[in-house]
Amino acid sequence: RDADRLEAVQVTATLVPEDSAKIASPVVVVGPEKLHQA
């Protein structure tokens, strides 16, 4: 379940890997489990 948690690491908001829980931008990471159920 950690693959889809709100605080997942992302690169889109700041162009470098960063914990989305620590930055101001609203970012959600959708992990492989949910993607593959589409």
PDB file of all heavy atoms in Angstrom:
ATOM      1  N   ARG A   1       0.811  -1.208   0.000  1.00  0.00           N
ATOM      2  CA  ARG A   1       0.000   0.000   0.000  1.00  0.00           C
ATOM      3  C   ARG A   1       0.845   1.259   0.000  1.00  0.00           C
ATOM      4  O   ARG A   1       0.368   2.337  -0.369  1.00  0.00           O
ATOM      5  CB  ARG A   1      -0.944   0.003   1.201  1.00  0.00           C
ATOM      6  CG  ARG A   1      -0.258   0.022   2.560  1.00  0.00           C
ATOM      7  CD  ARG A   1      -1.297  -0.247   3.655  1.00  0.00           C
ATOM      8  NE  ARG A   1      -0.666  -0.411   4.956  1.00  0.00           N
ATOM      9  CZ  ARG A   1      -0.585   0.556   5.871  1.00  0.00           C
ATOM     10  NH1 ARG A   1      -1.034   1.753   5.580  1.00  0.00           N
ATOM     11  NH2 ARG A   1      -0.029   0.321   7.044  1.00  0.00           N
ATOM     12  N   ASP A   2       2.122   1.170   0.407  1.00  0.00           N
ATOM     13  CA  ASP A   2       2.955   2.365   0.429  1.00  0.00           C
ATOM     14  C   ASP A   2       3.194   2.926  -0.966  1.00  0.00           C
ATOM     15  O   ASP A   2       3.575   4.082  -1.117  1.00  0.00           O
ATOM     16  CB  ASP A   2       4.305   2.071   1.083  1.00  0.00           C
ATOM     17  CG  ASP A   2       4.165   1.822   2.582  1.00  0.00           C
ATOM     18  OD1 ASP A   2       3.178   2.323   3.153  1.00  0.00           O
ATOM     19  OD2 ASP A   2       5.023   1.129   3.150  1.00  0.00           O
ATOM     20  N   ALA A   3       2.947   2.122  -2.003  1.00  0.00           N
ATOM     21  CA  ALA A   3       3.177   2.595  -3.370  1.00  0.00           C
ATOM     22  C   ALA A   3       2.251   3.735  -3.742  1.00  0.00           C
ATOM     23  O   ALA A   3       2.549   4.520  -4.625  1.00  0.00           O
ATOM     24  CB  ALA A   3       3.004   1.440  -4.357  1.00  0.00           C
ATOM     25  N   ASP A   4       1.090   3.832  -3.092  1.00  0.00           N
ATOM     26  CA  ASP A   4       0.113   4.846  -3.466  1.00  0.00           C
ATOM     27  C   ASP A   4      -0.129   5.873  -2.370  1.00  0.00           C
ATOM     28  O   ASP A   4      -1.125   6.575  -2.380  1.00  0.00           O
ATOM     29  CB  ASP A   4      -1.219   4.178  -3.839  1.00  0.00           C
ATOM     30  CG  ASP A   4      -1.116   3.410  -5.130  1.00  0.00           C
ATOM     31  OD1 ASP A   4      -0.514   3.942  -6.061  1.00  0.00           O
ATOM     32  OD2 ASP A   4      -1.611   2.285  -5.195  1.00  0.00           O
ATOM     33  N   ARG A   5       0.770   5.981  -1.391  1.00  0.00           N
ATOM     34  CA  ARG A   5       0.554   6.928  -0.311  1.00  0.00           C
ATOM     35  C   ARG A   5       0.762   8.363  -0.804  1.00  0.00           C
ATOM     36  O   ARG A   5       1.509   8.629  -1.738  1.00  0.00           O
ATOM     37  CB  ARG A   5       1.492   6.612   0.851  1.00  0.00           C
ATOM     38  CG  ARG A   5       1.110   5.339   1.594  1.00  0.00           C
ATOM     39  CD  ARG A   5       2.210   4.915   2.537  1.00  0.00           C
ATOM     40  NE  ARG A   5       2.392   5.863   3.624  1.00  0.00           N
ATOM     41  CZ  ARG A   5       1.723   5.805   4.768  1.00  0.00           C
ATOM     42  NH1 ARG A   5       0.817   4.857   4.957  1.00  0.00           N
ATOM     43  NH2 ARG A   5       1.953   6.676   5.730  1.00  0.00           N
ATOM     44  N   LEU A   6       0.100   9.301  -0.114  1.00  0.00           N
ATOM     45  CA  LEU A   6       0.140  10.693  -0.548  1.00  0.00           C
ATOM     46  C   LEU A   6       1.545  11.279  -0.518  1.00  0.00           C
ATOM     47  O   LEU A   6       1.863  12.182  -1.285  1.00  0.00           O
ATOM     48  CB  LEU A   6      -0.783  11.536   0.347  1.00  0.00           C
ATOM     49  CG  LEU A   6      -2.288  11.320   0.169  1.00  0.00           C
ATOM     50  CD1 LEU A   6      -3.043  12.055   1.262  1.00  0.00           C
ATOM     51  CD2 LEU A   6      -2.732  11.805  -1.187  1.00  0.00           C
ATOM     52  N   GLU A   7       2.405  10.778   0.393  1.00  0.00           N
ATOM     53  CA  GLU A   7       3.705  11.398   0.563  1.00  0.00           C
ATOM     54  C   GLU A   7       4.776  10.753  -0.308  1.00  0.00           C
ATOM     55  O   GLU A   7       5.963  10.901  -0.047  1.00  0.00           O
ATOM     56  CB  GLU A   7       4.132  11.356   2.035  1.00  0.00           C
ATOM     57  CG  GLU A   7       4.556  10.000   2.559  1.00  0.00           C
ATOM     58  CD  GLU A   7       3.405   9.093   2.920  1.00  0.00           C
ATOM     59  OE1 GLU A   7       2.273   9.365   2.493  1.00  0.00           O
ATOM     60  OE2 GLU A   7       3.621   8.107   3.623  1.00  0.00           O
ATOM     61  N   ALA A   8       4.383  10.039  -1.358  1.00  0.00           N
ATOM     62  CA  ALA A   8       5.349   9.347  -2.204  1.00  0.00           C
ATOM     63  C   ALA A   8       6.332  10.326  -2.842  1.00  0.00           C
ATOM     64  O   ALA A   8       6.029  11.486  -3.084  1.00  0.00           O
ATOM     65  CB  ALA A   8       4.618   8.561  -3.285  1.00  0.00           C
ATOM     66  N   VAL A   9       7.523   9.834  -3.147  1.00  0.00           N
ATOM     67  CA  VAL A   9       8.553  10.657  -3.782  1.00  0.00           C
ATOM     68  C   VAL A   9       8.141  10.977  -5.212  1.00  0.00           C
ATOM     69  O   VAL A   9       7.647  10.126  -5.944  1.00  0.00           O
ATOM     70  CB  VAL A   9       9.904   9.921  -3.744  1.00  0.00           C
ATOM     71  CG1 VAL A   9      10.941  10.671  -4.566  1.00  0.00           C
ATOM     72  CG2 VAL A   9      10.375   9.761  -2.302  1.00  0.00           C
ATOM     73  N   GLN A  10       8.343  12.226  -5.614  1.00  0.00           N
ATOM     74  CA  GLN A  10       7.974  12.675  -6.951  1.00  0.00           C
ATOM     75  C   GLN A  10       9.094  13.540  -7.503  1.00  0.00           C
ATOM     76  O   GLN A  10       9.979  13.999  -6.776  1.00  0.00           O
ATOM     77  CB  GLN A  10       6.661  13.446  -6.907  1.00  0.00           C
ATOM     78  CG  GLN A  10       6.645  14.636  -5.958  1.00  0.00           C
ATOM     79  CD  GLN A  10       7.390  15.848  -6.478  1.00  0.00           C
ATOM     80  OE1 GLN A  10       7.219  16.217  -7.639  1.00  0.00           O
ATOM     81  NE2 GLN A  10       8.230  16.446  -5.657  1.00  0.00           N
ATOM     82  N   VAL A  11       9.059  13.772  -8.828  1.00  0.00           N
ATOM     83  CA  VAL A  11      10.061  14.621  -9.478  1.00  0.00           C
ATOM     84  C   VAL A  11       9.429  15.756 -10.271  1.00  0.00           C
ATOM     85  O   VAL A  11      10.131  16.651 -10.730  1.00  0.00           O
ATOM     86  CB  VAL A  11      10.963  13.795 -10.425  1.00  0.00           C
ATOM     87  CG1 VAL A  11      11.735  12.750  -9.661  1.00  0.00           C
ATOM     88  CG2 VAL A  11      10.139  13.155 -11.539  1.00  0.00           C
ATOM     89  N   THR A  12       8.108  15.747 -10.446  1.00  0.00           N
ATOM     90  CA  THR A  12       7.463  16.681 -11.357  1.00  0.00           C
ATOM     91  C   THR A  12       7.444  18.105 -10.825  1.00  0.00           C
ATOM     92  O   THR A  12       7.642  19.064 -11.574  1.00  0.00           O
ATOM     93  CB  THR A  12       6.030  16.215 -11.658  1.00  0.00           C
ATOM     94  OG1 THR A  12       6.074  14.885 -12.183  1.00  0.00           O
ATOM     95  CG2 THR A  12       5.360  17.113 -12.672  1.00  0.00           C
ATOM     96  N   ALA A  13       7.223  18.287  -9.528  1.00  0.00           N
ATOM     97  CA  ALA A  13       7.034  19.637  -8.985  1.00  0.00           C
ATOM     98  C   ALA A  13       8.324  20.433  -8.915  1.00  0.00           C
ATOM     99  O   ALA A  13       8.306  21.659  -9.095  1.00  0.00           O
ATOM    100  CB  ALA A  13       6.392  19.551  -7.603  1.00  0.00           C
ATOM    101  N   THR A  14       9.455  19.778  -8.615  1.00  0.00           N
ATOM    102  CA  THR A  14      10.715  20.506  -8.424  1.00  0.00           C
ATOM    103  C   THR A  14      11.836  20.026  -9.330  1.00  0.00           C
ATOM    104  O   THR A  14      12.972  20.505  -9.211  1.00  0.00           O
ATOM    105  CB  THR A  14      11.178  20.381  -6.962  1.00  0.00           C
ATOM    106  OG1 THR A  14      11.329  18.995  -6.635  1.00  0.00           O
ATOM    107  CG2 THR A  14      10.171  21.008  -6.010  1.00  0.00           C
ATOM    108  N   LEU A  15      11.554  19.073 -10.206  1.00  0.00           N
ATOM    109  CA  LEU A  15      12.504  18.532 -11.180  1.00  0.00           C
ATOM    110  C   LEU A  15      13.569  17.635 -10.564  1.00  0.00           C
ATOM    111  O   LEU A  15      14.422  17.120 -11.279  1.00  0.00           O
ATOM    112  CB  LEU A  15      13.184  19.650 -11.991  1.00  0.00           C
ATOM    113  CG  LEU A  15      12.248  20.569 -12.774  1.00  0.00           C
ATOM    114  CD1 LEU A  15      13.061  21.628 -13.515  1.00  0.00           C
ATOM    115  CD2 LEU A  15      11.378  19.791 -13.741  1.00  0.00           C
ATOM    116  N   VAL A  16      13.547  17.459  -9.248  1.00  0.00           N
ATOM    117  CA  VAL A  16      14.456  16.532  -8.582  1.00  0.00           C
ATOM    118  C   VAL A  16      13.625  15.660  -7.652  1.00  0.00           C
ATOM    119  O   VAL A  16      12.561  16.068  -7.195  1.00  0.00           O
ATOM    120  CB  VAL A  16      15.553  17.275  -7.781  1.00  0.00           C
ATOM    121  CG1 VAL A  16      16.452  18.058  -8.705  1.00  0.00           C
ATOM    122  CG2 VAL A  16      14.930  18.181  -6.726  1.00  0.00           C
ATOM    123  N   PRO A  17      14.084  14.429  -7.355  1.00  0.00           N
ATOM    124  CA  PRO A  17      13.306  13.563  -6.456  1.00  0.00           C
ATOM    125  C   PRO A  17      13.121  14.216  -5.087  1.00  0.00           C
ATOM    126  O   PRO A  17      14.088  14.656  -4.457  1.00  0.00           O
ATOM    127  CB  PRO A  17      14.170  12.300  -6.364  1.00  0.00           C
ATOM    128  CG  PRO A  17      15.013  12.315  -7.597  1.00  0.00           C
ATOM    129  CD  PRO A  17      15.277  13.755  -7.884  1.00  0.00           C
ATOM    130  N   GLU A  18      11.873  14.282  -4.635  1.00  0.00           N
ATOM    131  CA  GLU A  18      11.593  14.932  -3.362  1.00  0.00           C
ATOM    132  C   GLU A  18      10.288  14.403  -2.802  1.00  0.00           C
ATOM    133  O   GLU A  18       9.351  14.082  -3.547  1.00  0.00           O
ATOM    134  CB  GLU A  18      11.509  16.454  -3.538  1.00  0.00           C
ATOM    135  CG  GLU A  18      11.434  17.205  -2.229  1.00  0.00           C
ATOM    136  CD  GLU A  18      11.684  18.693  -2.397  1.00  0.00           C
ATOM    137  OE1 GLU A  18      11.845  19.150  -3.547  1.00  0.00           O
ATOM    138  OE2 GLU A  18      11.728  19.393  -1.373  1.00  0.00           O
ATOM    139  N   ASP A  19      10.213  14.322  -1.472  1.00  0.00           N
ATOM    140  CA  ASP A  19       9.016  13.879  -0.781  1.00  0.00           C
ATOM    141  C   ASP A  19       7.923  14.922  -0.976  1.00  0.00           C
ATOM    142  O   ASP A  19       8.070  16.074  -0.586  1.00  0.00           O
ATOM    143  CB  ASP A  19       9.335  13.709   0.710  1.00  0.00           C
ATOM    144  CG  ASP A  19       8.222  13.021   1.469  1.00  0.00           C
ATOM    145  OD1 ASP A  19       7.076  13.084   1.020  1.00  0.00           O
ATOM    146  OD2 ASP A  19       8.523  12.412   2.517  1.00  0.00           O
ATOM    147  N   SER A  20       6.799  14.525  -1.593  1.00  0.00           N
ATOM    148  CA  SER A  20       5.743  15.491  -1.898  1.00  0.00           C
ATOM    149  C   SER A  20       5.061  16.018  -0.647  1.00  0.00           C
ATOM    150  O   SER A  20       4.382  17.045  -0.701  1.00  0.00           O
ATOM    151  CB  SER A  20       4.705  14.854  -2.833  1.00  0.00           C
ATOM    152  OG  SER A  20       4.076  13.753  -2.207  1.00  0.00           O
ATOM    153  N   ALA A  21       5.226  15.346   0.496  1.00  0.00           N
ATOM    154  CA  ALA A  21       4.630  15.838   1.739  1.00  0.00           C
ATOM    155  C   ALA A  21       5.349  17.072   2.260  1.00  0.00           C
ATOM    156  O   ALA A  21       4.803  17.811   3.080  1.00  0.00           O
ATOM    157  CB  ALA A  21       4.646  14.742   2.798  1.00  0.00           C
ATOM    158  N   LYS A  22       6.579  17.336   1.815  1.00  0.00           N
ATOM    159  CA  LYS A  22       7.376  18.423   2.367  1.00  0.00           C
ATOM    160  C   LYS A  22       7.367  19.683   1.513  1.00  0.00           C
ATOM    161  O   LYS A  22       7.907  20.712   1.932  1.00  0.00           O
ATOM    162  CB  LYS A  22       8.819  17.947   2.563  1.00  0.00           C
ATOM    163  CG  LYS A  22       8.942  16.813   3.584  1.00  0.00           C
ATOM    164  CD  LYS A  22      10.387  16.380   3.743  1.00  0.00           C
ATOM    165  CE  LYS A  22      10.507  15.246   4.758  1.00  0.00           C
ATOM    166  NZ  LYS A  22      11.907  14.783   4.933  1.00  0.00           N
ATOM    167  N   ILE A  23       6.785  19.627   0.329  1.00  0.00           N
ATOM    168  CA  ILE A  23       6.798  20.787  -0.549  1.00  0.00           C
ATOM    169  C   ILE A  23       5.412  21.422  -0.576  1.00  0.00           C
ATOM    170  O   ILE A  23       4.420  20.819  -0.180  1.00  0.00           O
ATOM    171  CB  ILE A  23       7.243  20.411  -1.975  1.00  0.00           C
ATOM    172  CG1 ILE A  23       6.290  19.381  -2.585  1.00  0.00           C
ATOM    173  CG2 ILE A  23       8.664  19.893  -1.969  1.00  0.00           C
ATOM    174  CD1 ILE A  23       6.586  19.066  -4.019  1.00  0.00           C
ATOM    175  N   ALA A  24       5.351  22.665  -1.056  1.00  0.00           N
ATOM    176  CA  ALA A  24       4.082  23.388  -1.060  1.00  0.00           C
ATOM    177  C   ALA A  24       3.139  22.898  -2.150  1.00  0.00           C
ATOM    178  O   ALA A  24       1.919  22.937  -1.988  1.00  0.00           O
ATOM    179  CB  ALA A  24       4.347  24.886  -1.233  1.00  0.00           C
ATOM    180  N   SER A  25       3.672  22.428  -3.255  1.00  0.00           N
ATOM    181  CA  SER A  25       2.841  22.055  -4.406  1.00  0.00           C
ATOM    182  C   SER A  25       1.953  20.865  -4.092  1.00  0.00           C
ATOM    183  O   SER A  25       2.382  19.910  -3.436  1.00  0.00           O
ATOM    184  CB  SER A  25       3.726  21.723  -5.605  1.00  0.00           C
ATOM    185  OG  SER A  25       4.505  22.829  -5.989  1.00  0.00           O
ATOM    186  N   PRO A  26       0.699  20.886  -4.569  1.00  0.00           N
ATOM    187  CA  PRO A  26      -0.190  19.739  -4.392  1.00  0.00           C
ATOM    188  C   PRO A  26       0.109  18.656  -5.423  1.00  0.00           C
ATOM    189  O   PRO A  26      -0.171  18.822  -6.614  1.00  0.00           O
ATOM    190  CB  PRO A  26      -1.582  20.333  -4.585  1.00  0.00           C
ATOM    191  CG  PRO A  26      -1.367  21.537  -5.444  1.00  0.00           C
ATOM    192  CD  PRO A  26       0.009  22.044  -5.165  1.00  0.00           C
ATOM    193  N   VAL A  27       0.693  17.556  -4.966  1.00  0.00           N
ATOM    194  CA  VAL A  27       1.090  16.469  -5.853  1.00  0.00           C
ATOM    195  C   VAL A  27       0.568  15.157  -5.298  1.00  0.00           C
ATOM    196  O   VAL A  27       0.649  14.909  -4.101  1.00  0.00           O
ATOM    197  CB  VAL A  27       2.629  16.377  -5.980  1.00  0.00           C
ATOM    198  CG1 VAL A  27       3.015  15.317  -7.002  1.00  0.00           C
ATOM    199  CG2 VAL A  27       3.229  17.715  -6.356  1.00  0.00           C
ATOM    200  N   VAL A  28       0.037  14.330  -6.164  1.00  0.00           N
ATOM    201  CA  VAL A  28      -0.344  12.969  -5.795  1.00  0.00           C
ATOM    202  C   VAL A  28       0.368  12.006  -6.739  1.00  0.00           C
ATOM    203  O   VAL A  28       0.434  12.242  -7.955  1.00  0.00           O
ATOM    204  CB  VAL A  28      -1.860  12.758  -5.869  1.00  0.00           C
ATOM    205  CG1 VAL A  28      -2.212  11.284  -5.716  1.00  0.00           C
ATOM    206  CG2 VAL A  28      -2.564  13.561  -4.785  1.00  0.00           C
ATOM    207  N   VAL A  29       0.918  10.939  -6.180  1.00  0.00           N
ATOM    208  CA  VAL A  29       1.587   9.913  -6.964  1.00  0.00           C
ATOM    209  C   VAL A  29       0.691   8.679  -7.013  1.00  0.00           C
ATOM    210  O   VAL A  29       0.288   8.159  -5.969  1.00  0.00           O
ATOM    211  CB  VAL A  29       2.954   9.552  -6.356  1.00  0.00           C
ATOM    212  CG1 VAL A  29       3.625   8.447  -7.163  1.00  0.00           C
ATOM    213  CG2 VAL A  29       3.844  10.784  -6.285  1.00  0.00           C
ATOM    214  N   VAL A  30       0.371   8.241  -8.225  1.00  0.00           N
ATOM    215  CA  VAL A  30      -0.404   7.013  -8.418  1.00  0.00           C
ATOM    216  C   VAL A  30       0.577   5.901  -8.733  1.00  0.00           C
ATOM    217  O   VAL A  30       1.313   5.967  -9.718  1.00  0.00           O
ATOM    218  CB  VAL A  30      -1.428   7.174  -9.562  1.00  0.00           C
ATOM    219  CG1 VAL A  30      -2.201   5.885  -9.769  1.00  0.00           C
ATOM    220  CG2 VAL A  30      -2.379   8.325  -9.260  1.00  0.00           C
ATOM    221  N   GLY A  31       0.589   4.881  -7.889  1.00  0.00           N
ATOM    222  CA  GLY A  31       1.553   3.799  -8.035  1.00  0.00           C
ATOM    223  C   GLY A  31       1.117   2.729  -9.007  1.00  0.00           C
ATOM    224  O   GLY A  31       0.018   2.771  -9.575  1.00  0.00           O
ATOM    225  N   PRO A  32       1.967   1.707  -9.212  1.00  0.00           N
ATOM    226  CA  PRO A  32       1.715   0.702 -10.246  1.00  0.00           C
ATOM    227  C   PRO A  32       0.463  -0.130  -9.996  1.00  0.00           C
ATOM    228  O   PRO A  32      -0.200  -0.542 -10.951  1.00  0.00           O
ATOM    229  CB  PRO A  32       2.978  -0.159 -10.230  1.00  0.00           C
ATOM    230  CG  PRO A  32       3.618   0.102  -8.903  1.00  0.00           C
ATOM    231  CD  PRO A  32       3.269   1.511  -8.554  1.00  0.00           C
ATOM    232  N   GLU A  33       0.124  -0.403  -8.729  1.00  0.00           N
ATOM    233  CA  GLU A  33      -1.042  -1.245  -8.479  1.00  0.00           C
ATOM    234  C   GLU A  33      -2.309  -0.631  -9.064  1.00  0.00           C
ATOM    235  O   GLU A  33      -3.071  -1.284  -9.778  1.00  0.00           O
ATOM    236  CB  GLU A  33      -1.221  -1.482  -6.983  1.00  0.00           C
ATOM    237  CG  GLU A  33      -2.424  -2.368  -6.680  1.00  0.00           C
ATOM    238  CD  GLU A  33      -2.606  -2.627  -5.205  1.00  0.00           C
ATOM    239  OE1 GLU A  33      -1.879  -2.025  -4.394  1.00  0.00           O
ATOM    240  OE2 GLU A  33      -3.483  -3.430  -4.862  1.00  0.00           O
ATOM    241  N   LYS A  34      -2.555   0.644  -8.784  1.00  0.00           N
ATOM    242  CA  LYS A  34      -3.755   1.295  -9.297  1.00  0.00           C
ATOM    243  C   LYS A  34      -3.681   1.484 -10.807  1.00  0.00           C
ATOM    244  O   LYS A  34      -4.693   1.348 -11.514  1.00  0.00           O
ATOM    245  CB  LYS A  34      -3.954   2.636  -8.596  1.00  0.00           C
ATOM    246  CG  LYS A  34      -5.316   3.257  -8.837  1.00  0.00           C
ATOM    247  CD  LYS A  34      -5.540   4.462  -7.953  1.00  0.00           C
ATOM    248  CE  LYS A  34      -6.946   5.029  -8.164  1.00  0.00           C
ATOM    249  NZ  LYS A  34      -7.197   6.214  -7.297  1.00  0.00           N
ATOM    250  N   LEU A  35      -2.508   1.798 -11.328  1.00  0.00           N
ATOM    251  CA  LEU A  35      -2.350   1.949 -12.772  1.00  0.00           C
ATOM    252  C   LEU A  35      -2.711   0.666 -13.505  1.00  0.00           C
ATOM    253  O   LEU A  35      -3.387   0.685 -14.544  1.00  0.00           O
ATOM    254  CB  LEU A  35      -0.909   2.340 -13.107  1.00  0.00           C
ATOM    255  CG  LEU A  35      -0.495   3.783 -12.830  1.00  0.00           C
ATOM    256  CD1 LEU A  35       1.015   3.917 -12.911  1.00  0.00           C
ATOM    257  CD2 LEU A  35      -1.162   4.730 -13.818  1.00  0.00           C
ATOM    258  N   HIS A  36      -2.275  -0.467 -12.971  1.00  0.00           N
ATOM    259  CA  HIS A  36      -2.473  -1.736 -13.661  1.00  0.00           C
ATOM    260  C   HIS A  36      -3.885  -2.280 -13.503  1.00  0.00           C
ATOM    261  O   HIS A  36      -4.270  -3.221 -14.189  1.00  0.00           O
ATOM    262  CB  HIS A  36      -1.446  -2.759 -13.163  1.00  0.00           C
ATOM    263  CG  HIS A  36      -0.037  -2.326 -13.390  1.00  0.00           C
ATOM    264  ND1 HIS A  36       1.036  -2.866 -12.716  1.00  0.00           N
ATOM    265  CD2 HIS A  36       0.490  -1.381 -14.220  1.00  0.00           C
ATOM    266  CE1 HIS A  36       2.156  -2.284 -13.117  1.00  0.00           C
ATOM    267  NE2 HIS A  36       1.847  -1.378 -14.024  1.00  0.00           N
ATOM    268  N   GLN A  37      -4.679  -1.676 -12.616  1.00  0.00           N
ATOM    269  CA  GLN A  37      -6.077  -2.071 -12.488  1.00  0.00           C
ATOM    270  C   GLN A  37      -6.980  -1.314 -13.452  1.00  0.00           C
ATOM    271  O   GLN A  37      -8.141  -1.675 -13.609  1.00  0.00           O
ATOM    272  CB  GLN A  37      -6.551  -1.833 -11.052  1.00  0.00           C
ATOM    273  CG  GLN A  37      -5.969  -2.805 -10.036  1.00  0.00           C
ATOM    274  CD  GLN A  37      -6.347  -2.446  -8.612  1.00  0.00           C
ATOM    275  OE1 GLN A  37      -6.852  -1.353  -8.347  1.00  0.00           O
ATOM    276  NE2 GLN A  37      -6.100  -3.351  -7.687  1.00  0.00           N
ATOM    277  N   ALA A  38      -6.486  -0.251 -14.065  1.00  0.00           N
ATOM    278  CA  ALA A  38      -7.288   0.528 -14.997  1.00  0.00           C
ATOM    279  C   ALA A  38      -7.736  -0.370 -16.143  1.00  0.00           C
ATOM    280  O   ALA A  38      -6.947  -1.130 -16.708  1.00  0.00           O
ATOM    281  CB  ALA A  38      -6.491   1.715 -15.531  1.00  0.00           C
TER     282      ALA A  38
END
